[in-house]
Amino acid sequence: PAQLSGGQQQRVALARAIACHPQVFLFDEPLSNLDARLRLEARTFLK
């Protein structure tokens, strides 16, 4: 993780959740630690 950017760390956290094939995703402010531009990109990607 220390070798990753904030956006890459976010995607790792998402990958960890997706790999479980859950019935429900729960997201607790996952974009709040990103800068404004990356937050906008991540918002589109996540949707």
All heavy atoms as atom14 arrays in JSON, in Angstrom:
{
  "sequence": "PAQLSGGQQQRVALARAIACHPQVFLFDEPLSNLDARLRLEARTFLK",
  "atom14_mask": [
    [1, 1, 1, 1, 1, 1, 1, 0, 0, 0, 0, 0, 0, 0],
    [1, 1, 1, 1, 1, 0, 0, 0, 0, 0, 0, 0, 0, 0],
    [1, 1, 1, 1, 1, 1, 1, 1, 1, 0, 0, 0, 0, 0],
    [1, 1, 1, 1, 1, 1, 1, 1, 0, 0, 0, 0, 0, 0],
    [1, 1, 1, 1, 1, 1, 0, 0, 0, 0, 0, 0, 0, 0],
    [1, 1, 1, 1, 0, 0, 0, 0, 0, 0, 0, 0, 0, 0],
    [1, 1, 1, 1, 0, 0, 0, 0, 0, 0, 0, 0, 0, 0],
    [1, 1, 1, 1, 1, 1, 1, 1, 1, 0, 0, 0, 0, 0],
    [1, 1, 1, 1, 1, 1, 1, 1, 1, 0, 0, 0, 0, 0],
    [1, 1, 1, 1, 1, 1, 1, 1, 1, 0, 0, 0, 0, 0],
    [1, 1, 1, 1, 1, 1, 1, 1, 1, 1, 1, 0, 0, 0],
    [1, 1, 1, 1, 1, 1, 1, 0, 0, 0, 0, 0, 0, 0],
    [1, 1, 1, 1, 1, 0, 0, 0, 0, 0, 0, 0, 0, 0],
    [1, 1, 1, 1, 1, 1, 1, 1, 0, 0, 0, 0, 0, 0],
    [1, 1, 1, 1, 1, 0, 0, 0, 0, 0, 0, 0, 0, 0],
    [1, 1, 1, 1, 1, 1, 1, 1, 1, 1, 1, 0, 0, 0],
    [1, 1, 1, 1, 1, 0, 0, 0, 0, 0, 0, 0, 0, 0],
    [1, 1, 1, 1, 1, 1, 1, 1, 0, 0, 0, 0, 0, 0],
    [1, 1, 1, 1, 1, 0, 0, 0, 0, 0, 0, 0, 0, 0],
    [1, 1, 1, 1, 1, 1, 0, 0, 0, 0, 0, 0, 0, 0],
    [1, 1, 1, 1, 1, 1, 1, 1, 1, 1, 0, 0, 0, 0],
    [1, 1, 1, 1, 1, 1, 1, 0, 0, 0, 0, 0, 0, 0],
    [1, 1, 1, 1, 1, 1, 1, 1, 1, 0, 0, 0, 0, 0],
    [1, 1, 1, 1, 1, 1, 1, 0, 0, 0, 0, 0, 0, 0],
    [1, 1, 1, 1, 1, 1, 1, 1, 1, 1, 1, 0, 0, 0],
    [1, 1, 1, 1, 1, 1, 1, 1, 0, 0, 0, 0, 0, 0],
    [1, 1, 1, 1, 1, 1, 1, 1, 1, 1, 1, 0, 0, 0],
    [1, 1, 1, 1, 1, 1, 1, 1, 0, 0, 0, 0, 0, 0],
    [1, 1, 1, 1, 1, 1, 1, 1, 1, 0, 0, 0, 0, 0],
    [1, 1, 1, 1, 1, 1, 1, 0, 0, 0, 0, 0, 0, 0],
    [1, 1, 1, 1, 1, 1, 1, 1, 0, 0, 0, 0, 0, 0],
    [1, 1, 1, 1, 1, 1, 0, 0, 0, 0, 0, 0, 0, 0],
    [1, 1, 1, 1, 1, 1, 1, 1, 0, 0, 0, 0, 0, 0],
    [1, 1, 1, 1, 1, 1, 1, 1, 0, 0, 0, 0, 0, 0],
    [1, 1, 1, 1, 1, 1, 1, 1, 0, 0, 0, 0, 0, 0],
    [1, 1, 1, 1, 1, 0, 0, 0, 0, 0, 0, 0, 0, 0],
    [1, 1, 1, 1, 1, 1, 1, 1, 1, 1, 1, 0, 0, 0],
    [1, 1, 1, 1, 1, 1, 1, 1, 0, 0, 0, 0, 0, 0],
    [1, 1, 1, 1, 1, 1, 1, 1, 1, 1, 1, 0, 0, 0],
    [1, 1, 1, 1, 1, 1, 1, 1, 0, 0, 0, 0, 0, 0],
    [1, 1, 1, 1, 1, 1, 1, 1, 1, 0, 0, 0, 0, 0],
    [1, 1, 1, 1, 1, 0, 0, 0, 0, 0, 0, 0, 0, 0],
    [1, 1, 1, 1, 1, 1, 1, 1, 1, 1, 1, 0, 0, 0],
    [1, 1, 1, 1, 1, 1, 1, 0, 0, 0, 0, 0, 0, 0],
    [1, 1, 1, 1, 1, 1, 1, 1, 1, 1, 1, 0, 0, 0],
    [1, 1, 1, 1, 1, 1, 1, 1, 0, 0, 0, 0, 0, 0],
    [1, 1, 1, 1, 1, 1, 1, 1, 1, 0, 0, 0, 0, 0]
  ],
  "atom14_positions": [
    [[0.79, -1.24, 0.0], [0.0, 0.0, 0.0], [0.82, 1.28, 0.0], [0.44, 2.26, -0.65], [-0.83, -0.13, 1.28], [-1.04, -1.61, 1.43], [0.26, -2.22, 0.96], [0.0, 0.0, 0.0], [0.0, 0.0, 0.0], [0.0, 0.0, 0.0], [0.0, 0.0, 0.0], [0.0, 0.0, 0.0], [0.0, 0.0, 0.0], [0.0, 0.0, 0.0]],
    [[1.96, 1.3, 0.71], [2.78, 2.52, 0.77], [3.35, 2.89, -0.59], [3.79, 4.04, -0.79], [3.91, 2.34, 1.77], [0.0, 0.0, 0.0], [0.0, 0.0, 0.0], [0.0, 0.0, 0.0], [0.0, 0.0, 0.0], [0.0, 0.0, 0.0], [0.0, 0.0, 0.0], [0.0, 0.0, 0.0], [0.0, 0.0, 0.0], [0.0, 0.0, 0.0]],
    [[3.37, 1.94, -1.52], [3.91, 2.2, -2.86], [2.82, 2.58, -3.86], [3.1, 2.71, -5.05], [4.63, 0.93, -3.36], [5.81, 0.51, -2.49], [6.36, -0.85, -2.89], [5.65, -1.86, -2.82], [7.61, -0.86, -3.32], [0.0, 0.0, 0.0], [0.0, 0.0, 0.0], [0.0, 0.0, 0.0], [0.0, 0.0, 0.0], [0.0, 0.0, 0.0]],
    [[1.61, 2.81, -3.36], [0.48, 3.12, -4.23], [-0.02, 4.54, -3.99], [0.13, 5.09, -2.89], [-0.67, 2.15, -3.97], [-0.37, 0.65, -4.11], [-1.6, -0.15, -3.71], [0.07, 0.3, -5.52], [0.0, 0.0, 0.0], [0.0, 0.0, 0.0], [0.0, 0.0, 0.0], [0.0, 0.0, 0.0], [0.0, 0.0, 0.0], [0.0, 0.0, 0.0]],
    [[-0.63, 5.12, -5.01], [-1.27, 6.42, -4.85], [-2.61, 6.24, -4.12], [-3.08, 5.1, -3.94], [-1.53, 7.05, -6.22], [-2.51, 6.3, -6.93], [0.0, 0.0, 0.0], [0.0, 0.0, 0.0], [0.0, 0.0, 0.0], [0.0, 0.0, 0.0], [0.0, 0.0, 0.0], [0.0, 0.0, 0.0], [0.0, 0.0, 0.0], [0.0, 0.0, 0.0]],
    [[-3.22, 7.36, -3.74], [-4.51, 7.27, -3.07], [-5.56, 6.6, -3.93], [-6.36, 5.8, -3.45], [0.0, 0.0, 0.0], [0.0, 0.0, 0.0], [0.0, 0.0, 0.0], [0.0, 0.0, 0.0], [0.0, 0.0, 0.0], [0.0, 0.0, 0.0], [0.0, 0.0, 0.0], [0.0, 0.0, 0.0], [0.0, 0.0, 0.0], [0.0, 0.0, 0.0]],
    [[-5.58, 6.95, -5.22], [-6.56, 6.33, -6.11], [-6.33, 4.84, -6.28], [-7.29, 4.06, -6.36], [0.0, 0.0, 0.0], [0.0, 0.0, 0.0], [0.0, 0.0, 0.0], [0.0, 0.0, 0.0], [0.0, 0.0, 0.0], [0.0, 0.0, 0.0], [0.0, 0.0, 0.0], [0.0, 0.0, 0.0], [0.0, 0.0, 0.0], [0.0, 0.0, 0.0]],
    [[-5.05, 4.43, -6.33], [-4.74, 3.01, -6.44], [-5.13, 2.25, -5.18], [-5.66, 1.14, -5.24], [-3.26, 2.83, -6.75], [-2.87, 3.26, -8.15], [-1.37, 3.35, -8.35], [-0.6, 3.52, -7.38], [-0.92, 3.24, -9.6], [0.0, 0.0, 0.0], [0.0, 0.0, 0.0], [0.0, 0.0, 0.0], [0.0, 0.0, 0.0], [0.0, 0.0, 0.0]],
    [[-4.89, 2.86, -4.01], [-5.29, 2.22, -2.75], [-6.81, 2.05, -2.7], [-7.31, 1.01, -2.24], [-4.83, 3.07, -1.57], [-3.33, 3.07, -1.36], [-2.93, 3.86, -0.14], [-3.6, 3.82, 0.89], [-1.83, 4.59, -0.24], [0.0, 0.0, 0.0], [0.0, 0.0, 0.0], [0.0, 0.0, 0.0], [0.0, 0.0, 0.0], [0.0, 0.0, 0.0]],
    [[-7.52, 3.05, -3.21], [-8.98, 2.94, -3.22], [-9.42, 1.77, -4.08], [-10.31, 1.0, -3.71], [-9.6, 4.23, -3.76], [-11.12, 4.21, -3.74], [-11.72, 5.03, -4.86], [-11.23, 5.0, -5.99], [-12.76, 5.76, -4.54], [0.0, 0.0, 0.0], [0.0, 0.0, 0.0], [0.0, 0.0, 0.0], [0.0, 0.0, 0.0], [0.0, 0.0, 0.0]],
    [[-8.78, 1.6, -5.23], [-9.16, 0.5, -6.12], [-8.81, -0.86, -5.51], [-9.52, -1.84, -5.72], [-8.48, 0.68, -7.48], [-9.22, 1.67, -8.37], [-8.62, 1.75, -9.75], [-7.39, 2.52, -9.75], [-6.38, 2.33, -10.59], [-6.44, 1.37, -11.49], [-5.31, 3.1, -10.55], [0.0, 0.0, 0.0], [0.0, 0.0, 0.0], [0.0, 0.0, 0.0]],
    [[-7.72, -0.92, -4.73], [-7.4, -2.17, -4.05], [-8.49, -2.51, -3.03], [-8.92, -3.66, -2.93], [-6.03, -2.07, -3.34], [-5.77, -3.32, -2.5], [-4.91, -1.9, -4.36], [0.0, 0.0, 0.0], [0.0, 0.0, 0.0], [0.0, 0.0, 0.0], [0.0, 0.0, 0.0], [0.0, 0.0, 0.0], [0.0, 0.0, 0.0], [0.0, 0.0, 0.0]],
    [[-8.95, -1.49, -2.3], [-10.03, -1.72, -1.33], [-11.31, -2.18, -2.03], [-12.02, -3.06, -1.54], [-10.29, -0.44, -0.53], [0.0, 0.0, 0.0], [0.0, 0.0, 0.0], [0.0, 0.0, 0.0], [0.0, 0.0, 0.0], [0.0, 0.0, 0.0], [0.0, 0.0, 0.0], [0.0, 0.0, 0.0], [0.0, 0.0, 0.0], [0.0, 0.0, 0.0]],
    [[-11.59, -1.6, -3.2], [-12.76, -2.02, -3.97], [-12.58, -3.45, -4.48], [-13.51, -4.26, -4.43], [-12.97, -1.08, -5.15], [-13.48, 0.32, -4.83], [-13.44, 1.2, -6.08], [-14.88, 0.28, -4.27], [0.0, 0.0, 0.0], [0.0, 0.0, 0.0], [0.0, 0.0, 0.0], [0.0, 0.0, 0.0], [0.0, 0.0, 0.0], [0.0, 0.0, 0.0]],
    [[-11.37, -3.77, -4.96], [-11.11, -5.13, -5.45], [-11.29, -6.16, -4.35], [-11.84, -7.24, -4.58], [-9.69, -5.21, -6.03], [0.0, 0.0, 0.0], [0.0, 0.0, 0.0], [0.0, 0.0, 0.0], [0.0, 0.0, 0.0], [0.0, 0.0, 0.0], [0.0, 0.0, 0.0], [0.0, 0.0, 0.0], [0.0, 0.0, 0.0], [0.0, 0.0, 0.0]],
    [[-10.84, -5.82, -3.16], [-10.99, -6.73, -2.03], [-12.47, -7.0, -1.74], [-12.87, -8.14, -1.44], [-10.31, -6.14, -0.79], [-10.35, -7.05, 0.43], [-9.55, -6.45, 1.57], [-10.03, -5.14, 1.95], [-9.39, -4.34, 2.82], [-8.26, -4.72, 3.36], [-9.9, -3.16, 3.11], [0.0, 0.0, 0.0], [0.0, 0.0, 0.0], [0.0, 0.0, 0.0]],
    [[-13.29, -5.95, -1.85], [-14.73, -6.12, -1.62], [-15.37, -6.93, -2.74], [-16.19, -7.82, -2.51], [-15.39, -4.76, -1.49], [0.0, 0.0, 0.0], [0.0, 0.0, 0.0], [0.0, 0.0, 0.0], [0.0, 0.0, 0.0], [0.0, 0.0, 0.0], [0.0, 0.0, 0.0], [0.0, 0.0, 0.0], [0.0, 0.0, 0.0], [0.0, 0.0, 0.0]],
    [[-14.99, -6.63, -3.99], [-15.61, -7.29, -5.14], [-15.26, -8.77, -5.19], [-16.1, -9.61, -5.56], [-15.17, -6.58, -6.44], [-15.73, -5.17, -6.48], [-15.62, -7.37, -7.67], [-15.12, -4.3, -7.56], [0.0, 0.0, 0.0], [0.0, 0.0, 0.0], [0.0, 0.0, 0.0], [0.0, 0.0, 0.0], [0.0, 0.0, 0.0], [0.0, 0.0, 0.0]],
    [[-14.03, -9.12, -4.83], [-13.57, -10.5, -4.92], [-14.42, -11.45, -4.08], [-14.48, -12.65, -4.35], [-12.11, -10.6, -4.51], [0.0, 0.0, 0.0], [0.0, 0.0, 0.0], [0.0, 0.0, 0.0], [0.0, 0.0, 0.0], [0.0, 0.0, 0.0], [0.0, 0.0, 0.0], [0.0, 0.0, 0.0], [0.0, 0.0, 0.0], [0.0, 0.0, 0.0]],
    [[-15.07, -10.93, -3.06], [-15.9, -11.76, -2.18], [-17.24, -12.12, -2.82], [-17.97, -12.98, -2.28], [-16.18, -11.03, -0.87], [-14.72, -10.65, 0.09], [0.0, 0.0, 0.0], [0.0, 0.0, 0.0], [0.0, 0.0, 0.0], [0.0, 0.0, 0.0], [0.0, 0.0, 0.0], [0.0, 0.0, 0.0], [0.0, 0.0, 0.0], [0.0, 0.0, 0.0]],
    [[-17.59, -11.45, -3.93], [-18.9, -11.65, -4.57], [-20.04, -11.48, -3.55], [-20.89, -12.36, -3.4], [-18.99, -13.03, -5.22], [-17.98, -13.25, -6.3], [-17.72, -14.49, -6.84], [-17.15, -12.39, -6.95], [-16.78, -14.39, -7.76], [-16.42, -13.12, -7.84], [0.0, 0.0, 0.0], [0.0, 0.0, 0.0], [0.0, 0.0, 0.0], [0.0, 0.0, 0.0]],
    [[-20.08, -10.34, -2.85], [-21.11, -10.15, -1.82], [-22.46, -9.82, -2.42], [-22.58, -9.46, -3.59], [-20.58, -8.95, -1.03], [-19.88, -8.13, -2.08], [-19.23, -9.13, -3.0], [0.0, 0.0, 0.0], [0.0, 0.0, 0.0], [0.0, 0.0, 0.0], [0.0, 0.0, 0.0], [0.0, 0.0, 0.0], [0.0, 0.0, 0.0], [0.0, 0.0, 0.0]],
    [[-23.48, -9.91, -1.58], [-24.81, -9.49, -1.99], [-24.98, -7.97, -1.89], [-25.78, -7.38, -2.6], [-25.88, -10.16, -1.13], [-26.06, -11.65, -1.4], [-27.27, -12.18, -0.65], [-27.35, -12.12, 0.57], [-28.23, -12.72, -1.39], [0.0, 0.0, 0.0], [0.0, 0.0, 0.0], [0.0, 0.0, 0.0], [0.0, 0.0, 0.0], [0.0, 0.0, 0.0]],
    [[-24.22, -7.36, -0.97], [-24.36, -5.93, -0.72], [-22.98, -5.3, -0.52], [-22.14, -5.85, 0.2], [-25.23, -5.66, 0.54], [-25.36, -4.15, 0.8], [-26.61, -6.29, 0.39], [0.0, 0.0, 0.0], [0.0, 0.0, 0.0], [0.0, 0.0, 0.0], [0.0, 0.0, 0.0], [0.0, 0.0, 0.0], [0.0, 0.0, 0.0], [0.0, 0.0, 0.0]],
    [[-22.75, -4.15, -1.17], [-21.57, -3.32, -0.9], [-21.94, -2.23, 0.09], [-23.0, -1.6, -0.03], [-21.07, -2.64, -2.18], [-20.36, -3.54, -3.14], [-20.56, -3.39, -4.5], [-19.48, -4.51, -2.7], [-19.91, -4.21, -5.42], [-18.81, -5.33, -3.6], [-19.03, -5.18, -4.96], [0.0, 0.0, 0.0], [0.0, 0.0, 0.0], [0.0, 0.0, 0.0]],
    [[-21.07, -1.98, 1.06], [-21.23, -0.89, 2.01], [-20.01, 0.03, 1.9], [-18.89, -0.41, 2.15], [-21.37, -1.43, 3.43], [-22.47, -2.47, 3.66], [-22.43, -2.99, 5.09], [-23.85, -1.89, 3.34], [0.0, 0.0, 0.0], [0.0, 0.0, 0.0], [0.0, 0.0, 0.0], [0.0, 0.0, 0.0], [0.0, 0.0, 0.0], [0.0, 0.0, 0.0]],
    [[-20.23, 1.28, 1.53], [-19.14, 2.23, 1.34], [-19.24, 3.34, 2.37], [-20.25, 4.06, 2.42], [-19.19, 2.84, -0.06], [-18.92, 1.87, -1.17], [-19.57, 1.99, -2.39], [-18.0, 0.84, -1.02], [-19.32, 1.11, -3.43], [-17.75, -0.05, -2.05], [-18.39, 0.09, -3.26], [0.0, 0.0, 0.0], [0.0, 0.0, 0.0], [0.0, 0.0, 0.0]],
    [[-18.2, 3.51, 3.18], [-18.18, 4.56, 4.2], [-17.24, 5.69, 3.76], [-16.04, 5.66, 4.01], [-17.71, 3.98, 5.55], [-17.83, 5.0, 6.68], [-18.45, 6.07, 6.46], [-17.29, 4.74, 7.76], [0.0, 0.0, 0.0], [0.0, 0.0, 0.0], [0.0, 0.0, 0.0], [0.0, 0.0, 0.0], [0.0, 0.0, 0.0], [0.0, 0.0, 0.0]],
    [[-17.8, 6.66, 3.06], [-17.05, 7.83, 2.56], [-15.73, 7.43, 1.9], [-14.67, 7.93, 2.27], [-16.82, 8.82, 3.7], [-18.1, 9.25, 4.39], [-17.99, 10.57, 5.11], [-17.31, 11.48, 4.61], [-18.6, 10.69, 6.18], [0.0, 0.0, 0.0], [0.0, 0.0, 0.0], [0.0, 0.0, 0.0], [0.0, 0.0, 0.0], [0.0, 0.0, 0.0]],
    [[-15.76, 6.54, 0.91], [-14.51, 6.04, 0.33], [-13.77, 7.05, -0.52], [-12.62, 6.8, -0.9], [-14.99, 4.86, -0.52], [-16.37, 5.24, -0.93], [-16.95, 5.96, 0.26], [0.0, 0.0, 0.0], [0.0, 0.0, 0.0], [0.0, 0.0, 0.0], [0.0, 0.0, 0.0], [0.0, 0.0, 0.0], [0.0, 0.0, 0.0], [0.0, 0.0, 0.0]],
    [[-14.39, 8.19, -0.86], [-13.73, 9.17, -1.72], [-13.17, 10.36, -0.96], [-12.52, 11.23, -1.54], [-14.73, 9.69, -2.78], [-15.52, 8.65, -3.56], [-16.37, 9.33, -4.62], [-14.59, 7.63, -4.2], [0.0, 0.0, 0.0], [0.0, 0.0, 0.0], [0.0, 0.0, 0.0], [0.0, 0.0, 0.0], [0.0, 0.0, 0.0], [0.0, 0.0, 0.0]],
    [[-13.39, 10.4, 0.34], [-13.06, 11.61, 1.11], [-11.56, 11.88, 1.22], [-11.15, 13.02, 1.46], [-13.67, 11.53, 2.51], [-13.13, 10.43, 3.22], [0.0, 0.0, 0.0], [0.0, 0.0, 0.0], [0.0, 0.0, 0.0], [0.0, 0.0, 0.0], [0.0, 0.0, 0.0], [0.0, 0.0, 0.0], [0.0, 0.0, 0.0], [0.0, 0.0, 0.0]],
    [[-10.72, 10.86, 1.04], [-9.28, 11.06, 1.16], [-8.6, 11.4, -0.17], [-7.38, 11.52, -0.22], [-8.62, 9.8, 1.74], [-8.99, 9.57, 3.2], [-9.24, 10.53, 3.93], [-9.06, 8.32, 3.61], [0.0, 0.0, 0.0], [0.0, 0.0, 0.0], [0.0, 0.0, 0.0], [0.0, 0.0, 0.0], [0.0, 0.0, 0.0], [0.0, 0.0, 0.0]],
    [[-9.39, 11.55, -1.22], [-8.83, 11.87, -2.53], [-8.9, 13.36, -2.8], [-9.77, 14.07, -2.27], [-9.61, 11.12, -3.62], [-9.71, 9.59, -3.46], [-10.53, 9.01, -4.6], [-8.34, 8.95, -3.4], [0.0, 0.0, 0.0], [0.0, 0.0, 0.0], [0.0, 0.0, 0.0], [0.0, 0.0, 0.0], [0.0, 0.0, 0.0], [0.0, 0.0, 0.0]],
    [[-7.98, 13.86, -3.65], [-8.05, 15.27, -4.01], [-9.24, 15.5, -4.95], [-9.86, 14.56, -5.45], [-6.75, 15.76, -4.64], [-6.41, 15.03, -5.94], [-7.28, 14.94, -6.83], [-5.27, 14.55, -6.07], [0.0, 0.0, 0.0], [0.0, 0.0, 0.0], [0.0, 0.0, 0.0], [0.0, 0.0, 0.0], [0.0, 0.0, 0.0], [0.0, 0.0, 0.0]],
    [[-9.57, 16.77, -5.19], [-10.82, 17.12, -5.87], [-10.92, 16.48, -7.25], [-11.97, 15.93, -7.62], [-10.95, 18.63, -5.98], [0.0, 0.0, 0.0], [0.0, 0.0, 0.0], [0.0, 0.0, 0.0], [0.0, 0.0, 0.0], [0.0, 0.0, 0.0], [0.0, 0.0, 0.0], [0.0, 0.0, 0.0], [0.0, 0.0, 0.0], [0.0, 0.0, 0.0]],
    [[-9.85, 16.54, -8.04], [-9.93, 16.0, -9.4], [-10.04, 14.48, -9.38], [-10.86, 13.9, -10.1], [-8.69, 16.42, -10.19], [-8.71, 15.89, -11.62], [-7.71, 16.58, -12.5], [-7.81, 16.11, -13.86], [-7.19, 16.68, -14.89], [-6.46, 17.76, -14.69], [-7.31, 16.19, -16.1], [0.0, 0.0, 0.0], [0.0, 0.0, 0.0], [0.0, 0.0, 0.0]],
    [[-9.24, 13.83, -8.53], [-9.29, 12.38, -8.46], [-10.62, 11.92, -7.89], [-11.14, 10.87, -8.29], [-8.13, 11.87, -7.59], [-7.89, 10.36, -7.58], [-7.7, 9.83, -8.99], [-6.68, 10.03, -6.72], [0.0, 0.0, 0.0], [0.0, 0.0, 0.0], [0.0, 0.0, 0.0], [0.0, 0.0, 0.0], [0.0, 0.0, 0.0], [0.0, 0.0, 0.0]],
    [[-11.2, 12.71, -7.0], [-12.5, 12.36, -6.43], [-13.57, 12.34, -7.53], [-14.43, 11.46, -7.55], [-12.89, 13.35, -5.34], [-14.15, 12.96, -4.57], [-14.52, 13.99, -3.54], [-13.43, 14.23, -2.62], [-12.9, 15.42, -2.37], [-13.37, 16.5, -3.0], [-11.91, 15.56, -1.52], [0.0, 0.0, 0.0], [0.0, 0.0, 0.0], [0.0, 0.0, 0.0]],
    [[-13.5, 13.3, -8.44], [-14.47, 13.35, -9.53], [-14.3, 12.14, -10.44], [-15.29, 11.51, -10.85], [-14.28, 14.64, -10.33], [-15.24, 14.86, -11.5], [-16.69, 14.9, -11.01], [-14.9, 16.15, -12.24], [0.0, 0.0, 0.0], [0.0, 0.0, 0.0], [0.0, 0.0, 0.0], [0.0, 0.0, 0.0], [0.0, 0.0, 0.0], [0.0, 0.0, 0.0]],
    [[-13.05, 11.78, -10.76], [-12.8, 10.62, -11.6], [-13.27, 9.33, -10.91], [-13.87, 8.46, -11.53], [-11.32, 10.53, -11.94], [-10.82, 11.67, -12.81], [-9.31, 11.62, -12.99], [-8.66, 10.72, -12.41], [-8.77, 12.49, -13.72], [0.0, 0.0, 0.0], [0.0, 0.0, 0.0], [0.0, 0.0, 0.0], [0.0, 0.0, 0.0], [0.0, 0.0, 0.0]],
    [[-12.97, 9.24, -9.6], [-13.35, 8.04, -8.85], [-14.86, 7.91, -8.74], [-15.41, 6.8, -8.76], [-12.72, 8.08, -7.46], [0.0, 0.0, 0.0], [0.0, 0.0, 0.0], [0.0, 0.0, 0.0], [0.0, 0.0, 0.0], [0.0, 0.0, 0.0], [0.0, 0.0, 0.0], [0.0, 0.0, 0.0], [0.0, 0.0, 0.0], [0.0, 0.0, 0.0]],
    [[-15.54, 9.04, -8.64], [-17.0, 9.05, -8.56], [-17.61, 8.42, -9.8], [-18.49, 7.56, -9.72], [-17.46, 10.5, -8.41], [-18.88, 10.69, -7.99], [-19.11, 12.16, -7.67], [-19.31, 12.96, -8.87], [-19.4, 14.29, -8.85], [-19.27, 14.94, -7.71], [-19.6, 14.96, -9.96], [0.0, 0.0, 0.0], [0.0, 0.0, 0.0], [0.0, 0.0, 0.0]],
    [[-17.11, 8.83, -10.97], [-17.61, 8.29, -12.23], [-17.28, 6.81, -12.34], [-18.13, 5.99, -12.72], [-16.98, 9.06, -13.41], [-17.29, 10.45, -13.28], [-17.52, 8.54, -14.73], [0.0, 0.0, 0.0], [0.0, 0.0, 0.0], [0.0, 0.0, 0.0], [0.0, 0.0, 0.0], [0.0, 0.0, 0.0], [0.0, 0.0, 0.0], [0.0, 0.0, 0.0]],
    [[-16.05, 6.46, -11.99], [-15.62, 5.06, -12.06], [-16.46, 4.17, -11.15], [-16.92, 3.09, -11.55], [-14.15, 4.97, -11.67], [-13.67, 3.57, -11.38], [-13.4, 2.68, -12.41], [-13.5, 3.13, -10.07], [-12.97, 1.39, -12.16], [-13.07, 1.85, -9.81], [-12.81, 0.97, -10.86], [0.0, 0.0, 0.0], [0.0, 0.0, 0.0], [0.0, 0.0, 0.0]],
    [[-16.7, 4.63, -9.92], [-17.43, 3.82, -8.95], [-18.87, 3.6, -9.39], [-19.41, 2.49, -9.26], [-17.38, 4.51, -7.59], [-17.95, 3.73, -6.4], [-17.24, 2.4, -6.23], [-17.83, 4.56, -5.13], [0.0, 0.0, 0.0], [0.0, 0.0, 0.0], [0.0, 0.0, 0.0], [0.0, 0.0, 0.0], [0.0, 0.0, 0.0], [0.0, 0.0, 0.0]],
    [[-19.51, 4.63, -9.94], [-20.89, 4.48, -10.41], [-20.95, 3.51, -11.58], [-21.84, 2.65, -11.63], [-21.44, 5.85, -10.81], [-22.87, 5.81, -11.33], [-23.85, 5.26, -10.29], [-25.27, 5.28, -10.82], [-26.21, 4.67, -9.87], [0.0, 0.0, 0.0], [0.0, 0.0, 0.0], [0.0, 0.0, 0.0], [0.0, 0.0, 0.0], [0.0, 0.0, 0.0]]
  ]
}
